[in-house]
Amino acid sequence: MEDVESADRVQLAKWFRFLPSAGSEHTGSKDFSKLYKHERLIMQRIIERFDEQGGMDSMISKQIGWERR
């Protein structure tokens, strides 16, 4: 969560676009519920901060592209 709080708009945009859905990498795990809740909170904060900084526009979308690097 510290990384989310200190991230700039470009980093937030990359996470917003490229991070997998909360819990998706833990399907079938005995800790799924706990991990899902934790990852969901992080993603919610990413979205809040990203929206506060102006969210997605064509310029930032082009800057980060569509391929995960």
PDB file of N, CA and C in Angstrom:
ATOM      1  N   MET A   1       0.819  -1.184   0.000  1.00  0.00           N
ATOM      2  CA  MET A   1       0.000   0.000   0.000  1.00  0.00           C
ATOM      3  C   MET A   1       0.870   1.257   0.000  1.00  0.00           C
ATOM      4  N   GLU A   2       2.061   1.170   0.589  1.00  0.00           N
ATOM      5  CA  GLU A   2       2.978   2.320   0.567  1.00  0.00           C
ATOM      6  C   GLU A   2       3.322   2.707  -0.863  1.00  0.00           C
ATOM      7  N   ASP A   3       3.536   1.708  -1.714  1.00  0.00           N
ATOM      8  CA  ASP A   3       3.846   1.983  -3.118  1.00  0.00           C
ATOM      9  C   ASP A   3       2.692   2.702  -3.804  1.00  0.00           C
ATOM     10  N   VAL A   4       1.475   2.331  -3.477  1.00  0.00           N
ATOM     11  CA  VAL A   4       0.297   2.971  -4.069  1.00  0.00           C
ATOM     12  C   VAL A   4       0.238   4.437  -3.652  1.00  0.00           C
ATOM     13  N   GLU A   5       0.509   4.705  -2.401  1.00  0.00           N
ATOM     14  CA  GLU A   5       0.437   6.075  -1.890  1.00  0.00           C
ATOM     15  C   GLU A   5       1.508   6.981  -2.487  1.00  0.00           C
ATOM     16  N   SER A   6       2.636   6.422  -2.869  1.00  0.00           N
ATOM     17  CA  SER A   6       3.725   7.246  -3.410  1.00  0.00           C
ATOM     18  C   SER A   6       3.804   7.222  -4.935  1.00  0.00           C
ATOM     19  N   ALA A   7       2.952   6.442  -5.580  1.00  0.00           N
ATOM     20  CA  ALA A   7       3.014   6.286  -7.040  1.00  0.00           C
ATOM     21  C   ALA A   7       2.541   7.544  -7.760  1.00  0.00           C
ATOM     22  N   ASP A   8       3.175   7.801  -8.901  1.00  0.00           N
ATOM     23  CA  ASP A   8       2.724   8.906  -9.740  1.00  0.00           C
ATOM     24  C   ASP A   8       1.597   8.430 -10.660  1.00  0.00           C
ATOM     25  N   ARG A   9       1.046   9.357 -11.416  1.00  0.00           N
ATOM     26  CA  ARG A   9      -0.107   9.044 -12.268  1.00  0.00           C
ATOM     27  C   ARG A   9       0.208   7.967 -13.300  1.00  0.00           C
ATOM     28  N   VAL A  10       1.401   7.999 -13.860  1.00  0.00           N
ATOM     29  CA  VAL A  10       1.776   7.008 -14.874  1.00  0.00           C
ATOM     30  C   VAL A  10       1.809   5.610 -14.263  1.00  0.00           C
ATOM     31  N   GLN A  11       2.407   5.475 -13.102  1.00  0.00           N
ATOM     32  CA  GLN A  11       2.456   4.161 -12.449  1.00  0.00           C
ATOM     33  C   GLN A  11       1.056   3.683 -12.100  1.00  0.00           C
ATOM     34  N   LEU A  12       0.236   4.575 -11.586  1.00  0.00           N
ATOM     35  CA  LEU A  12      -1.147   4.210 -11.259  1.00  0.00           C
ATOM     36  C   LEU A  12      -1.886   3.753 -12.516  1.00  0.00           C
ATOM     37  N   ALA A  13      -1.657   4.426 -13.630  1.00  0.00           N
ATOM     38  CA  ALA A  13      -2.298   4.041 -14.902  1.00  0.00           C
ATOM     39  C   ALA A  13      -1.870   2.641 -15.326  1.00  0.00           C
ATOM     40  N   LYS A  14      -0.594   2.329 -15.170  1.00  0.00           N
ATOM     41  CA  LYS A  14      -0.097   0.996 -15.529  1.00  0.00           C
ATOM     42  C   LYS A  14      -0.759  -0.071 -14.665  1.00  0.00           C
ATOM     43  N   TRP A  15      -0.828   0.170 -13.369  1.00  0.00           N
ATOM     44  CA  TRP A  15      -1.482  -0.796 -12.485  1.00  0.00           C
ATOM     45  C   TRP A  15      -2.956  -0.928 -12.839  1.00  0.00           C
ATOM     46  N   PHE A  16      -3.608   0.204 -13.069  1.00  0.00           N
ATOM     47  CA  PHE A  16      -5.028   0.221 -13.412  1.00  0.00           C
ATOM     48  C   PHE A  16      -5.300  -0.632 -14.651  1.00  0.00           C
ATOM     49  N   ARG A  17      -4.439  -0.518 -15.639  1.00  0.00           N
ATOM     50  CA  ARG A  17      -4.645  -1.236 -16.894  1.00  0.00           C
ATOM     51  C   ARG A  17      -4.166  -2.683 -16.839  1.00  0.00           C
ATOM     52  N   PHE A  18      -3.052  -2.941 -16.180  1.00  0.00           N
ATOM     53  CA  PHE A  18      -2.395  -4.240 -16.342  1.00  0.00           C
ATOM     54  C   PHE A  18      -2.479  -5.207 -15.165  1.00  0.00           C
ATOM     55  N   LEU A  19      -2.804  -4.743 -13.984  1.00  0.00           N
ATOM     56  CA  LEU A  19      -2.887  -5.693 -12.872  1.00  0.00           C
ATOM     57  C   LEU A  19      -4.047  -6.661 -13.101  1.00  0.00           C
ATOM     58  N   PRO A  20      -3.840  -7.929 -12.784  1.00  0.00           N
ATOM     59  CA  PRO A  20      -4.951  -8.888 -12.908  1.00  0.00           C
ATOM     60  C   PRO A  20      -6.039  -8.564 -11.884  1.00  0.00           C
ATOM     61  N   SER A  21      -7.215  -9.046 -12.128  1.00  0.00           N
ATOM     62  CA  SER A  21      -8.328  -8.847 -11.192  1.00  0.00           C
ATOM     63  C   SER A  21      -7.961  -9.399  -9.820  1.00  0.00           C
ATOM     64  N   ALA A  22      -8.468  -8.731  -8.795  1.00  0.00           N
ATOM     65  CA  ALA A  22      -8.189  -9.157  -7.420  1.00  0.00           C
ATOM     66  C   ALA A  22      -8.533 -10.630  -7.236  1.00  0.00           C
ATOM     67  N   GLY A  23      -7.596 -11.367  -6.684  1.00  0.00           N
ATOM     68  CA  GLY A  23      -7.818 -12.775  -6.378  1.00  0.00           C
ATOM     69  C   GLY A  23      -7.649 -13.735  -7.530  1.00  0.00           C
ATOM     70  N   SER A  24      -7.544 -13.231  -8.735  1.00  0.00           N
ATOM     71  CA  SER A  24      -7.530 -14.131  -9.895  1.00  0.00           C
ATOM     72  C   SER A  24      -6.344 -15.095  -9.906  1.00  0.00           C
ATOM     73  N   GLU A  25      -5.255 -14.705  -9.301  1.00  0.00           N
ATOM     74  CA  GLU A  25      -4.087 -15.587  -9.273  1.00  0.00           C
ATOM     75  C   GLU A  25      -4.122 -16.560  -8.100  1.00  0.00           C
ATOM     76  N   HIS A  26      -5.185 -16.496  -7.313  1.00  0.00           N
ATOM     77  CA  HIS A  26      -5.281 -17.344  -6.120  1.00  0.00           C
ATOM     78  C   HIS A  26      -6.503 -18.254  -6.153  1.00  0.00           C
ATOM     79  N   THR A  27      -7.148 -18.357  -7.292  1.00  0.00           N
ATOM     80  CA  THR A  27      -8.334 -19.214  -7.420  1.00  0.00           C
ATOM     81  C   THR A  27      -7.988 -20.632  -6.998  1.00  0.00           C
ATOM     82  N   GLY A  28      -8.800 -21.189  -6.129  1.00  0.00           N
ATOM     83  CA  GLY A  28      -8.578 -22.550  -5.651  1.00  0.00           C
ATOM     84  C   GLY A  28      -7.704 -22.636  -4.411  1.00  0.00           C
ATOM     85  N   SER A  29      -7.093 -21.524  -4.037  1.00  0.00           N
ATOM     86  CA  SER A  29      -6.246 -21.510  -2.851  1.00  0.00           C
ATOM     87  C   SER A  29      -7.098 -21.514  -1.590  1.00  0.00           C
ATOM     88  N   LYS A  30      -6.597 -22.143  -0.547  1.00  0.00           N
ATOM     89  CA  LYS A  30      -7.332 -22.144   0.721  1.00  0.00           C
ATOM     90  C   LYS A  30      -7.391 -20.738   1.320  1.00  0.00           C
ATOM     91  N   ASP A  31      -6.491 -19.858   0.913  1.00  0.00           N
ATOM     92  CA  ASP A  31      -6.449 -18.482   1.406  1.00  0.00           C
ATOM     93  C   ASP A  31      -7.093 -17.494   0.439  1.00  0.00           C
ATOM     94  N   PHE A  32      -7.869 -18.017  -0.520  1.00  0.00           N
ATOM     95  CA  PHE A  32      -8.441 -17.159  -1.558  1.00  0.00           C
ATOM     96  C   PHE A  32      -9.181 -15.956  -0.984  1.00  0.00           C
ATOM     97  N   SER A  33     -10.072 -16.179  -0.048  1.00  0.00           N
ATOM     98  CA  SER A  33     -10.903 -15.095   0.482  1.00  0.00           C
ATOM     99  C   SER A  33     -10.052 -13.987   1.090  1.00  0.00           C
ATOM    100  N   LYS A  34      -9.085 -14.368   1.881  1.00  0.00           N
ATOM    101  CA  LYS A  34      -8.190 -13.402   2.531  1.00  0.00           C
ATOM    102  C   LYS A  34      -7.378 -12.633   1.490  1.00  0.00           C
ATOM    103  N   LEU A  35      -6.810 -13.343   0.522  1.00  0.00           N
ATOM    104  CA  LEU A  35      -5.990 -12.709  -0.505  1.00  0.00           C
ATOM    105  C   LEU A  35      -6.824 -11.813  -1.420  1.00  0.00           C
ATOM    106  N   TYR A  36      -8.028 -12.275  -1.745  1.00  0.00           N
ATOM    107  CA  TYR A  36      -8.933 -11.474  -2.572  1.00  0.00           C
ATOM    108  C   TYR A  36      -9.252 -10.146  -1.887  1.00  0.00           C
ATOM    109  N   LYS A  37      -9.618 -10.197  -0.616  1.00  0.00           N
ATOM    110  CA  LYS A  37      -9.959  -8.979   0.126  1.00  0.00           C
ATOM    111  C   LYS A  37      -8.777  -8.014   0.174  1.00  0.00           C
ATOM    112  N   HIS A  38      -7.599  -8.550   0.415  1.00  0.00           N
ATOM    113  CA  HIS A  38      -6.391  -7.721   0.479  1.00  0.00           C
ATOM    114  C   HIS A  38      -6.117  -7.058  -0.871  1.00  0.00           C
ATOM    115  N   GLU A  39      -6.146  -7.836  -1.934  1.00  0.00           N
ATOM    116  CA  GLU A  39      -5.875  -7.295  -3.266  1.00  0.00           C
ATOM    117  C   GLU A  39      -6.972  -6.321  -3.714  1.00  0.00           C
ATOM    118  N   ARG A  40      -8.208  -6.582  -3.322  1.00  0.00           N
ATOM    119  CA  ARG A  40      -9.309  -5.690  -3.676  1.00  0.00           C
ATOM    120  C   ARG A  40      -9.123  -4.316  -3.027  1.00  0.00           C
ATOM    121  N   LEU A  41      -8.692  -4.293  -1.774  1.00  0.00           N
ATOM    122  CA  LEU A  41      -8.450  -3.022  -1.092  1.00  0.00           C
ATOM    123  C   LEU A  41      -7.350  -2.221  -1.788  1.00  0.00           C
ATOM    124  N   ILE A  42      -6.304  -2.915  -2.200  1.00  0.00           N
ATOM    125  CA  ILE A  42      -5.213  -2.244  -2.904  1.00  0.00           C
ATOM    126  C   ILE A  42      -5.717  -1.671  -4.228  1.00  0.00           C
ATOM    127  N   MET A  43      -6.468  -2.463  -4.990  1.00  0.00           N
ATOM    128  CA  MET A  43      -6.977  -1.977  -6.266  1.00  0.00           C
ATOM    129  C   MET A  43      -7.949  -0.814  -6.086  1.00  0.00           C
ATOM    130  N   GLN A  44      -8.758  -0.864  -5.064  1.00  0.00           N
ATOM    131  CA  GLN A  44      -9.672   0.251  -4.797  1.00  0.00           C
ATOM    132  C   GLN A  44      -8.890   1.538  -4.540  1.00  0.00           C
ATOM    133  N   ARG A  45      -7.794   1.420  -3.808  1.00  0.00           N
ATOM    134  CA  ARG A  45      -6.984   2.614  -3.522  1.00  0.00           C
ATOM    135  C   ARG A  45      -6.286   3.100  -4.783  1.00  0.00           C
ATOM    136  N   ILE A  46      -5.806   2.187  -5.619  1.00  0.00           N
ATOM    137  CA  ILE A  46      -5.203   2.574  -6.896  1.00  0.00           C
ATOM    138  C   ILE A  46      -6.215   3.378  -7.707  1.00  0.00           C
ATOM    139  N   ILE A  47      -7.441   2.891  -7.800  1.00  0.00           N
ATOM    140  CA  ILE A  47      -8.482   3.568  -8.572  1.00  0.00           C
ATOM    141  C   ILE A  47      -8.789   4.939  -7.972  1.00  0.00           C
ATOM    142  N   GLU A  48      -8.906   5.026  -6.649  1.00  0.00           N
ATOM    143  CA  GLU A  48      -9.176   6.312  -5.995  1.00  0.00           C
ATOM    144  C   GLU A  48      -8.094   7.333  -6.314  1.00  0.00           C
ATOM    145  N   ARG A  49      -6.847   6.938  -6.131  1.00  0.00           N
ATOM    146  CA  ARG A  49      -5.728   7.862  -6.370  1.00  0.00           C
ATOM    147  C   ARG A  49      -5.640   8.231  -7.845  1.00  0.00           C
ATOM    148  N   PHE A  50      -5.843   7.265  -8.716  1.00  0.00           N
ATOM    149  CA  PHE A  50      -5.785   7.523 -10.154  1.00  0.00           C
ATOM    150  C   PHE A  50      -6.875   8.513 -10.555  1.00  0.00           C
ATOM    151  N   ASP A  51      -8.078   8.322 -10.062  1.00  0.00           N
ATOM    152  CA  ASP A  51      -9.172   9.254 -10.341  1.00  0.00           C
ATOM    153  C   ASP A  51      -8.870  10.651  -9.799  1.00  0.00           C
ATOM    154  N   GLU A  52      -8.297  10.717  -8.609  1.00  0.00           N
ATOM    155  CA  GLU A  52      -7.933  12.003  -8.009  1.00  0.00           C
ATOM    156  C   GLU A  52      -6.933  12.762  -8.882  1.00  0.00           C
ATOM    157  N   GLN A  53      -6.096  12.040  -9.597  1.00  0.00           N
ATOM    158  CA  GLN A  53      -5.066  12.658 -10.431  1.00  0.00           C
ATOM    159  C   GLN A  53      -5.516  12.854 -11.876  1.00  0.00           C
ATOM    160  N   GLY A  54      -6.774  12.609 -12.148  1.00  0.00           N
ATOM    161  CA  GLY A  54      -7.291  12.877 -13.483  1.00  0.00           C
ATOM    162  C   GLY A  54      -7.686  11.651 -14.276  1.00  0.00           C
ATOM    163  N   GLY A  55      -7.367  10.470 -13.771  1.00  0.00           N
ATOM    164  CA  GLY A  55      -7.760   9.240 -14.444  1.00  0.00           C
ATOM    165  C   GLY A  55      -7.119   9.064 -15.815  1.00  0.00           C
ATOM    166  N   MET A  56      -7.777   8.278 -16.636  1.00  0.00           N
ATOM    167  CA  MET A  56      -7.246   7.925 -17.952  1.00  0.00           C
ATOM    168  C   MET A  56      -7.677   8.961 -18.979  1.00  0.00           C
ATOM    169  N   ASP A  57      -6.741   9.364 -19.806  1.00  0.00           N
ATOM    170  CA  ASP A  57      -7.056  10.175 -20.967  1.00  0.00           C
ATOM    171  C   ASP A  57      -6.230   9.636 -22.127  1.00  0.00           C
ATOM    172  N   SER A  58      -6.453  10.152 -23.309  1.00  0.00           N
ATOM    173  CA  SER A  58      -5.778   9.597 -24.488  1.00  0.00           C
ATOM    174  C   SER A  58      -4.258   9.727 -24.400  1.00  0.00           C
ATOM    175  N   MET A  59      -3.764  10.796 -23.807  1.00  0.00           N
ATOM    176  CA  MET A  59      -2.320  11.007 -23.720  1.00  0.00           C
ATOM    177  C   MET A  59      -1.650   9.949 -22.832  1.00  0.00           C
ATOM    178  N   ILE A  60      -2.198   9.738 -21.654  1.00  0.00           N
ATOM    179  CA  ILE A  60      -1.591   8.751 -20.748  1.00  0.00           C
ATOM    180  C   ILE A  60      -1.805   7.340 -21.281  1.00  0.00           C
ATOM    181  N   SER A  61      -2.937   7.096 -21.932  1.00  0.00           N
ATOM    182  CA  SER A  61      -3.198   5.787 -22.520  1.00  0.00           C
ATOM    183  C   SER A  61      -2.145   5.459 -23.578  1.00  0.00           C
ATOM    184  N   LYS A  62      -1.833   6.415 -24.423  1.00  0.00           N
ATOM    185  CA  LYS A  62      -0.798   6.203 -25.445  1.00  0.00           C
ATOM    186  C   LYS A  62       0.566   6.011 -24.806  1.00  0.00           C
ATOM    187  N   GLN A  63       0.829   6.754 -23.737  1.00  0.00           N
ATOM    188  CA  GLN A  63       2.125   6.672 -23.057  1.00  0.00           C
ATOM    189  C   GLN A  63       2.368   5.280 -22.481  1.00  0.00           C
ATOM    190  N   ILE A  64       1.359   4.675 -21.867  1.00  0.00           N
ATOM    191  CA  ILE A  64       1.566   3.360 -21.252  1.00  0.00           C
ATOM    192  C   ILE A  64       1.325   2.212 -22.213  1.00  0.00           C
ATOM    193  N   GLY A  65       0.614   2.470 -23.313  1.00  0.00           N
ATOM    194  CA  GLY A  65       0.394   1.442 -24.318  1.00  0.00           C
ATOM    195  C   GLY A  65      -0.541   0.331 -23.851  1.00  0.00           C
ATOM    196  N   TRP A  66      -0.585  -0.737 -24.634  1.00  0.00           N
ATOM    197  CA  TRP A  66      -1.465  -1.868 -24.329  1.00  0.00           C
ATOM    198  C   TRP A  66      -0.715  -3.159 -24.052  1.00  0.00           C
ATOM    199  N   GLU A  67       0.602  -3.116 -24.169  1.00  0.00           N
ATOM    200  CA  GLU A  67       1.394  -4.310 -23.892  1.00  0.00           C
ATOM    201  C   GLU A  67       2.056  -4.176 -22.529  1.00  0.00           C
ATOM    202  N   ARG A  68       1.875  -5.210 -21.745  1.00  0.00           N
ATOM    203  CA  ARG A  68       2.492  -5.230 -20.420  1.00  0.00           C
ATOM    204  C   ARG A  68       3.993  -5.352 -20.565  1.00  0.00           C
ATOM    205  N   ARG A  69       4.713  -4.489 -19.907  1.00  0.00           N
ATOM    206  CA  ARG A  69       6.187  -4.507 -19.992  1.00  0.00           C
ATOM    207  C   ARG A  69       6.807  -4.950 -18.708  1.00  0.00           C
TER     208      ARG A  69
END
